[in-house]
Amino acid sequence: MNKALANILFTGFIFVMFTLAWIEALTFTRLAQFFPLYISLAGSTLSLVYLLKTLIDYRKETSAEERAEHIQILKPLRYVVWVLGYLLLIYVFGFIIATAVFLFVFLIYESRMKVMQSLVSMAITLVVVTYLSAAINIEWPASLLGL
């Protein structure tokens, strides 16, 4: 897979996500659908325009050598797994616990920080998130475990 084709696939994925978001926003109550509906409609429209432009450019400008060029696909997928793992942690344990665990593990493995630096970074992040949550009265959703 070459870079241009990966760009087309990713843009197609973004278009599908925005389209599904505005379809889902239609099920919201009239007052609740305002922001998600119009933002997702704008995102869907812009990503479709970009996707069509990219497809046209790909057809016109790529040569056989460029189509044969390969990119590394597994390296970026590692970060997709990190994000999916974080979302799974939020679903099971709740936002605050998931943020603490994810941030600590991510800083140790990906950033190669020392344990003490990771603990300090995690603590600062949790204090800021907790303070801002209280200041603007954010009620985090309950987790699967009810934490």
C-alpha atoms as a PDB file:
ATOM      1  CA  MET A   1       0.000   0.000   0.000  1.00  0.00           C
ATOM      2  CA  ASN A   2       1.431   3.373  -0.941  1.00  0.00           C
ATOM      3  CA  LYS A   3       1.004   6.672   0.853  1.00  0.00           C
ATOM      4  CA  ALA A   4      -1.617   8.104  -1.512  1.00  0.00           C
ATOM      5  CA  LEU A   5      -3.782   4.993  -1.231  1.00  0.00           C
ATOM      6  CA  ALA A   6      -3.493   5.039   2.569  1.00  0.00           C
ATOM      7  CA  ASN A   7      -4.588   8.694   2.504  1.00  0.00           C
ATOM      8  CA  ILE A   8      -7.623   7.745   0.400  1.00  0.00           C
ATOM      9  CA  LEU A   9      -8.563   4.923   2.754  1.00  0.00           C
ATOM     10  CA  PHE A  10      -8.202   7.101   5.844  1.00  0.00           C
ATOM     11  CA  THR A  11     -10.221   9.939   4.298  1.00  0.00           C
ATOM     12  CA  GLY A  12     -12.907   7.425   3.342  1.00  0.00           C
ATOM     13  CA  PHE A  13     -12.972   6.186   6.926  1.00  0.00           C
ATOM     14  CA  ILE A  14     -13.327   9.761   8.233  1.00  0.00           C
ATOM     15  CA  PHE A  15     -16.166  10.381   5.750  1.00  0.00           C
ATOM     16  CA  VAL A  16     -17.991   7.240   6.921  1.00  0.00           C
ATOM     17  CA  MET A  17     -17.566   8.216  10.598  1.00  0.00           C
ATOM     18  CA  PHE A  18     -18.921  11.747  10.034  1.00  0.00           C
ATOM     19  CA  THR A  19     -21.804  10.377   7.959  1.00  0.00           C
ATOM     20  CA  LEU A  20     -22.723   7.851  10.659  1.00  0.00           C
ATOM     21  CA  ALA A  21     -22.487  10.639  13.252  1.00  0.00           C
ATOM     22  CA  TRP A  22     -25.017  12.867  11.490  1.00  0.00           C
ATOM     23  CA  ILE A  23     -27.337   9.922  10.874  1.00  0.00           C
ATOM     24  CA  GLU A  24     -27.164   9.124  14.593  1.00  0.00           C
ATOM     25  CA  ALA A  25     -27.653  12.804  15.494  1.00  0.00           C
ATOM     26  CA  LEU A  26     -31.008  12.722  13.688  1.00  0.00           C
ATOM     27  CA  THR A  27     -32.290  10.447  16.471  1.00  0.00           C
ATOM     28  CA  PHE A  28     -31.543  13.063  19.169  1.00  0.00           C
ATOM     29  CA  THR A  29     -34.163  15.445  20.446  1.00  0.00           C
ATOM     30  CA  ARG A  30     -34.508  18.685  18.485  1.00  0.00           C
ATOM     31  CA  LEU A  31     -32.547  20.770  20.979  1.00  0.00           C
ATOM     32  CA  ALA A  32     -29.831  18.139  21.538  1.00  0.00           C
ATOM     33  CA  GLN A  33     -29.151  17.511  17.856  1.00  0.00           C
ATOM     34  CA  PHE A  34     -28.121  21.057  16.937  1.00  0.00           C
ATOM     35  CA  PHE A  35     -24.366  20.867  17.590  1.00  0.00           C
ATOM     36  CA  PRO A  36     -23.640  17.220  16.634  1.00  0.00           C
ATOM     37  CA  LEU A  37     -25.797  17.352  13.521  1.00  0.00           C
ATOM     38  CA  TYR A  38     -24.286  20.473  11.979  1.00  0.00           C
ATOM     39  CA  ILE A  39     -20.701  19.669  12.930  1.00  0.00           C
ATOM     40  CA  SER A  40     -20.965  16.147  11.519  1.00  0.00           C
ATOM     41  CA  LEU A  41     -22.717  17.414   8.375  1.00  0.00           C
ATOM     42  CA  ALA A  42     -19.894  19.902   7.832  1.00  0.00           C
ATOM     43  CA  GLY A  43     -17.276  17.209   8.493  1.00  0.00           C
ATOM     44  CA  SER A  44     -19.017  14.771   6.175  1.00  0.00           C
ATOM     45  CA  THR A  45     -19.269  17.334   3.381  1.00  0.00           C
ATOM     46  CA  LEU A  46     -15.676  18.530   3.693  1.00  0.00           C
ATOM     47  CA  SER A  47     -14.268  15.002   3.919  1.00  0.00           C
ATOM     48  CA  LEU A  48     -16.285  13.962   0.836  1.00  0.00           C
ATOM     49  CA  VAL A  49     -14.937  16.937  -1.130  1.00  0.00           C
ATOM     50  CA  TYR A  50     -11.382  16.119  -0.019  1.00  0.00           C
ATOM     51  CA  LEU A  51     -11.886  12.423  -0.814  1.00  0.00           C
ATOM     52  CA  LEU A  52     -13.090  13.188  -4.330  1.00  0.00           C
ATOM     53  CA  LYS A  53     -10.191  15.614  -4.914  1.00  0.00           C
ATOM     54  CA  THR A  54      -7.714  13.041  -3.645  1.00  0.00           C
ATOM     55  CA  LEU A  55      -9.183  10.324  -5.862  1.00  0.00           C
ATOM     56  CA  ILE A  56      -8.977  12.571  -8.934  1.00  0.00           C
ATOM     57  CA  ASP A  57      -5.376  13.543  -8.118  1.00  0.00           C
ATOM     58  CA  TYR A  58      -4.463   9.903  -7.511  1.00  0.00           C
ATOM     59  CA  ARG A  59      -5.775   8.904 -10.921  1.00  0.00           C
ATOM     60  CA  LYS A  60      -4.050  11.778 -12.738  1.00  0.00           C
ATOM     61  CA  GLU A  61      -0.703  12.118 -11.028  1.00  0.00           C
ATOM     62  CA  THR A  62       0.464   8.728  -9.837  1.00  0.00           C
ATOM     63  CA  SER A  63       2.770   6.640 -11.927  1.00  0.00           C
ATOM     64  CA  ALA A  64       3.350   2.902 -11.761  1.00  0.00           C
ATOM     65  CA  GLU A  65       6.433   3.427  -9.564  1.00  0.00           C
ATOM     66  CA  GLU A  66       4.511   5.566  -7.090  1.00  0.00           C
ATOM     67  CA  ARG A  67       1.745   2.981  -6.870  1.00  0.00           C
ATOM     68  CA  ALA A  68       4.337   0.305  -6.100  1.00  0.00           C
ATOM     69  CA  GLU A  69       5.874   2.335  -3.256  1.00  0.00           C
ATOM     70  CA  HIS A  70       5.082   0.822   0.131  1.00  0.00           C
ATOM     71  CA  ILE A  71       4.611   2.483   3.478  1.00  0.00           C
ATOM     72  CA  GLN A  72       4.841   1.014   6.929  1.00  0.00           C
ATOM     73  CA  ILE A  73       1.329   0.287   8.144  1.00  0.00           C
ATOM     74  CA  LEU A  74       1.984  -1.576  11.388  1.00  0.00           C
ATOM     75  CA  LYS A  75       3.870   1.184  13.195  1.00  0.00           C
ATOM     76  CA  PRO A  76       0.969   3.673  13.216  1.00  0.00           C
ATOM     77  CA  LEU A  77      -1.476   0.890  14.107  1.00  0.00           C
ATOM     78  CA  ARG A  78       0.307   0.571  17.441  1.00  0.00           C
ATOM     79  CA  TYR A  79      -1.109   3.964  18.424  1.00  0.00           C
ATOM     80  CA  VAL A  80      -4.572   2.963  17.271  1.00  0.00           C
ATOM     81  CA  VAL A  81      -4.304   0.016  19.679  1.00  0.00           C
ATOM     82  CA  TRP A  82      -3.267   2.436  22.460  1.00  0.00           C
ATOM     83  CA  VAL A  83      -6.363   4.587  21.840  1.00  0.00           C
ATOM     84  CA  LEU A  84      -8.672   1.572  21.647  1.00  0.00           C
ATOM     85  CA  GLY A  85      -7.167   0.249  24.873  1.00  0.00           C
ATOM     86  CA  TYR A  86      -7.786   3.614  26.548  1.00  0.00           C
ATOM     87  CA  LEU A  87     -11.402   3.601  25.376  1.00  0.00           C
ATOM     88  CA  LEU A  88     -11.822   0.064  26.691  1.00  0.00           C
ATOM     89  CA  LEU A  89     -10.360   1.107  30.050  1.00  0.00           C
ATOM     90  CA  ILE A  90     -12.786   4.046  30.204  1.00  0.00           C
ATOM     91  CA  TYR A  91     -15.701   1.746  29.416  1.00  0.00           C
ATOM     92  CA  VAL A  92     -14.747  -0.793  32.086  1.00  0.00           C
ATOM     93  CA  PHE A  93     -13.223   1.314  34.881  1.00  0.00           C
ATOM     94  CA  GLY A  94     -14.372   4.905  34.268  1.00  0.00           C
ATOM     95  CA  PHE A  95     -12.597   8.010  33.062  1.00  0.00           C
ATOM     96  CA  ILE A  96     -10.426   8.910  36.064  1.00  0.00           C
ATOM     97  CA  ILE A  97      -9.087   5.401  36.749  1.00  0.00           C
ATOM     98  CA  ALA A  98      -8.590   4.741  33.032  1.00  0.00           C
ATOM     99  CA  THR A  99      -6.705   8.008  32.604  1.00  0.00           C
ATOM    100  CA  ALA A 100      -4.414   7.191  35.507  1.00  0.00           C
ATOM    101  CA  VAL A 101      -3.635   3.676  34.281  1.00  0.00           C
ATOM    102  CA  PHE A 102      -3.343   4.623  30.614  1.00  0.00           C
ATOM    103  CA  LEU A 103      -1.134   7.648  31.203  1.00  0.00           C
ATOM    104  CA  PHE A 104       1.214   5.778  33.536  1.00  0.00           C
ATOM    105  CA  VAL A 105       1.596   2.770  31.212  1.00  0.00           C
ATOM    106  CA  PHE A 106       1.874   4.931  28.088  1.00  0.00           C
ATOM    107  CA  LEU A 107       4.572   7.131  29.600  1.00  0.00           C
ATOM    108  CA  ILE A 108       6.566   4.109  30.775  1.00  0.00           C
ATOM    109  CA  TYR A 109       6.418   2.150  27.499  1.00  0.00           C
ATOM    110  CA  GLU A 110       6.155   4.741  24.737  1.00  0.00           C
ATOM    111  CA  SER A 111       7.906   7.764  26.221  1.00  0.00           C
ATOM    112  CA  ARG A 112      10.450   5.692  28.144  1.00  0.00           C
ATOM    113  CA  MET A 113      10.004   7.881  31.232  1.00  0.00           C
ATOM    114  CA  LYS A 114      11.200   6.770  34.605  1.00  0.00           C
ATOM    115  CA  VAL A 115       8.594   5.531  37.076  1.00  0.00           C
ATOM    116  CA  MET A 116       8.813   8.601  39.320  1.00  0.00           C
ATOM    117  CA  GLN A 117       8.460  11.029  36.383  1.00  0.00           C
ATOM    118  CA  SER A 118       5.464   9.048  35.140  1.00  0.00           C
ATOM    119  CA  LEU A 119       3.841   9.095  38.571  1.00  0.00           C
ATOM    120  CA  VAL A 120       4.340  12.862  38.877  1.00  0.00           C
ATOM    121  CA  SER A 121       2.949  13.472  35.375  1.00  0.00           C
ATOM    122  CA  MET A 122      -0.015  11.232  36.098  1.00  0.00           C
ATOM    123  CA  ALA A 123      -0.697  12.957  39.426  1.00  0.00           C
ATOM    124  CA  ILE A 124      -0.544  16.440  37.887  1.00  0.00           C
ATOM    125  CA  THR A 125      -2.880  15.370  35.090  1.00  0.00           C
ATOM    126  CA  LEU A 126      -5.375  13.845  37.519  1.00  0.00           C
ATOM    127  CA  VAL A 127      -5.341  16.948  39.731  1.00  0.00           C
ATOM    128  CA  VAL A 128      -5.948  19.230  36.742  1.00  0.00           C
ATOM    129  CA  VAL A 129      -8.716  17.007  35.328  1.00  0.00           C
ATOM    130  CA  THR A 130     -10.403  16.700  38.732  1.00  0.00           C
ATOM    131  CA  TYR A 131     -10.167  20.441  39.370  1.00  0.00           C
ATOM    132  CA  LEU A 132     -11.530  21.352  35.932  1.00  0.00           C
ATOM    133  CA  SER A 133     -14.294  18.751  36.275  1.00  0.00           C
ATOM    134  CA  ALA A 134     -15.369  20.316  39.550  1.00  0.00           C
ATOM    135  CA  ALA A 135     -14.977  23.881  38.263  1.00  0.00           C
ATOM    136  CA  ILE A 136     -17.234  23.385  35.262  1.00  0.00           C
ATOM    137  CA  ASN A 137     -19.400  20.704  36.867  1.00  0.00           C
ATOM    138  CA  ILE A 138     -18.666  17.777  34.539  1.00  0.00           C
ATOM    139  CA  GLU A 139     -20.418  14.573  35.470  1.00  0.00           C
ATOM    140  CA  TRP A 140     -18.358  11.724  33.979  1.00  0.00           C
ATOM    141  CA  PRO A 141     -20.430   8.781  32.723  1.00  0.00           C
ATOM    142  CA  ALA A 142     -20.595   5.654  34.868  1.00  0.00           C
ATOM    143  CA  SER A 143     -18.380   2.766  33.873  1.00  0.00           C
ATOM    144  CA  LEU A 144     -19.300  -0.840  33.283  1.00  0.00           C
ATOM    145  CA  LEU A 145     -18.262  -1.590  36.859  1.00  0.00           C
ATOM    146  CA  GLY A 146     -20.134   1.444  38.180  1.00  0.00           C
ATOM    147  CA  LEU A 147     -16.959   3.218  39.341  1.00  0.00           C
END
